[in-house]
Amino acid sequence: MEETISYEKAVTELEEIVRKMENDQLDIDSLTNQLKRAKQLIRLCNDKLTKTDEEIKTILEGD
């Protein structure tokens, strides 16, 4: 099941996870869950960037 979240929201959530990690605000259980979430968000962002890049190339090649 693919999650529907905007690129901007995914990046904001990733930044929040990193901030918490840098400030030692996560216990070991939370850290594991947050790292899993970060991995999902990174994959989602990469997919969105790849799709956007492909769409741009298609548009530019069409002209």
C-alpha atoms as a PDB file:
ATOM      1  CA  MET A   1       0.000   0.000   0.000  1.00  0.00           C
ATOM      2  CA  GLU A   2       1.558   3.257  -1.123  1.00  0.00           C
ATOM      3  CA  GLU A   3       1.248   6.139   1.268  1.00  0.00           C
ATOM      4  CA  THR A   4      -0.133   9.421   0.000  1.00  0.00           C
ATOM      5  CA  ILE A   5       1.798  12.253   1.597  1.00  0.00           C
ATOM      6  CA  SER A   6       3.218  15.314  -0.076  1.00  0.00           C
ATOM      7  CA  TYR A   7       6.941  15.597  -0.655  1.00  0.00           C
ATOM      8  CA  GLU A   8       7.075  18.664   1.577  1.00  0.00           C
ATOM      9  CA  LYS A   9       5.322  16.909   4.467  1.00  0.00           C
ATOM     10  CA  ALA A  10       7.636  13.909   4.124  1.00  0.00           C
ATOM     11  CA  VAL A  11      10.716  16.139   4.240  1.00  0.00           C
ATOM     12  CA  THR A  12       9.333  18.032   7.245  1.00  0.00           C
ATOM     13  CA  GLU A  13       8.708  14.763   9.079  1.00  0.00           C
ATOM     14  CA  LEU A  14      12.218  13.554   8.221  1.00  0.00           C
ATOM     15  CA  GLU A  15      13.697  16.789   9.539  1.00  0.00           C
ATOM     16  CA  GLU A  16      11.759  16.351  12.793  1.00  0.00           C
ATOM     17  CA  ILE A  17      13.064  12.789  13.203  1.00  0.00           C
ATOM     18  CA  VAL A  18      16.635  13.977  12.626  1.00  0.00           C
ATOM     19  CA  ARG A  19      16.191  16.823  15.105  1.00  0.00           C
ATOM     20  CA  LYS A  20      14.955  14.426  17.778  1.00  0.00           C
ATOM     21  CA  MET A  21      17.874  12.073  17.114  1.00  0.00           C
ATOM     22  CA  GLU A  22      20.412  14.902  17.298  1.00  0.00           C
ATOM     23  CA  ASN A  23      18.942  16.106  20.600  1.00  0.00           C
ATOM     24  CA  ASP A  24      18.819  12.593  22.125  1.00  0.00           C
ATOM     25  CA  GLN A  25      15.050  12.865  22.505  1.00  0.00           C
ATOM     26  CA  LEU A  26      14.301   9.278  21.487  1.00  0.00           C
ATOM     27  CA  ASP A  27      14.492   6.224  23.703  1.00  0.00           C
ATOM     28  CA  ILE A  28      15.709   2.964  22.165  1.00  0.00           C
ATOM     29  CA  ASP A  29      12.193   1.744  21.268  1.00  0.00           C
ATOM     30  CA  SER A  30      11.238   5.046  19.693  1.00  0.00           C
ATOM     31  CA  LEU A  31      14.554   5.219  17.876  1.00  0.00           C
ATOM     32  CA  THR A  32      13.907   1.921  16.121  1.00  0.00           C
ATOM     33  CA  ASN A  33      10.423   2.978  15.063  1.00  0.00           C
ATOM     34  CA  GLN A  34      11.593   6.413  13.936  1.00  0.00           C
ATOM     35  CA  LEU A  35      14.411   4.910  11.866  1.00  0.00           C
ATOM     36  CA  LYS A  36      11.915   2.611  10.140  1.00  0.00           C
ATOM     37  CA  ARG A  37       9.653   5.592   9.473  1.00  0.00           C
ATOM     38  CA  ALA A  38      12.587   7.626   8.159  1.00  0.00           C
ATOM     39  CA  LYS A  39      13.454   4.815   5.760  1.00  0.00           C
ATOM     40  CA  GLN A  40       9.863   4.810   4.448  1.00  0.00           C
ATOM     41  CA  LEU A  41       9.894   8.583   4.042  1.00  0.00           C
ATOM     42  CA  ILE A  42      13.234   8.558   2.215  1.00  0.00           C
ATOM     43  CA  ARG A  43      11.948   5.914  -0.196  1.00  0.00           C
ATOM     44  CA  LEU A  44       8.762   7.923  -0.749  1.00  0.00           C
ATOM     45  CA  CYS A  45      10.757  11.114  -1.457  1.00  0.00           C
ATOM     46  CA  ASN A  46      13.099   9.305  -3.836  1.00  0.00           C
ATOM     47  CA  ASP A  47      10.134   7.830  -5.708  1.00  0.00           C
ATOM     48  CA  LYS A  48       8.465  11.241  -6.019  1.00  0.00           C
ATOM     49  CA  LEU A  49      11.688  12.855  -7.246  1.00  0.00           C
ATOM     50  CA  THR A  50      12.265  10.090  -9.797  1.00  0.00           C
ATOM     51  CA  LYS A  51       8.684  10.336 -11.067  1.00  0.00           C
ATOM     52  CA  THR A  52       8.890  14.114 -11.340  1.00  0.00           C
ATOM     53  CA  ASP A  53      12.213  13.902 -13.181  1.00  0.00           C
ATOM     54  CA  GLU A  54      10.730  11.431 -15.676  1.00  0.00           C
ATOM     55  CA  GLU A  55       7.682  13.650 -16.231  1.00  0.00           C
ATOM     56  CA  ILE A  56       9.872  16.696 -16.838  1.00  0.00           C
ATOM     57  CA  LYS A  57      11.999  14.803 -19.355  1.00  0.00           C
ATOM     58  CA  THR A  58       8.857  13.622 -21.145  1.00  0.00           C
ATOM     59  CA  ILE A  59       7.477  17.149 -21.315  1.00  0.00           C
ATOM     60  CA  LEU A  60      10.759  18.602 -22.572  1.00  0.00           C
ATOM     61  CA  GLU A  61      11.211  15.875 -25.172  1.00  0.00           C
ATOM     62  CA  GLY A  62       7.675  16.521 -26.439  1.00  0.00           C
ATOM     63  CA  ASP A  63       8.467  20.111 -27.412  1.00  0.00           C
END
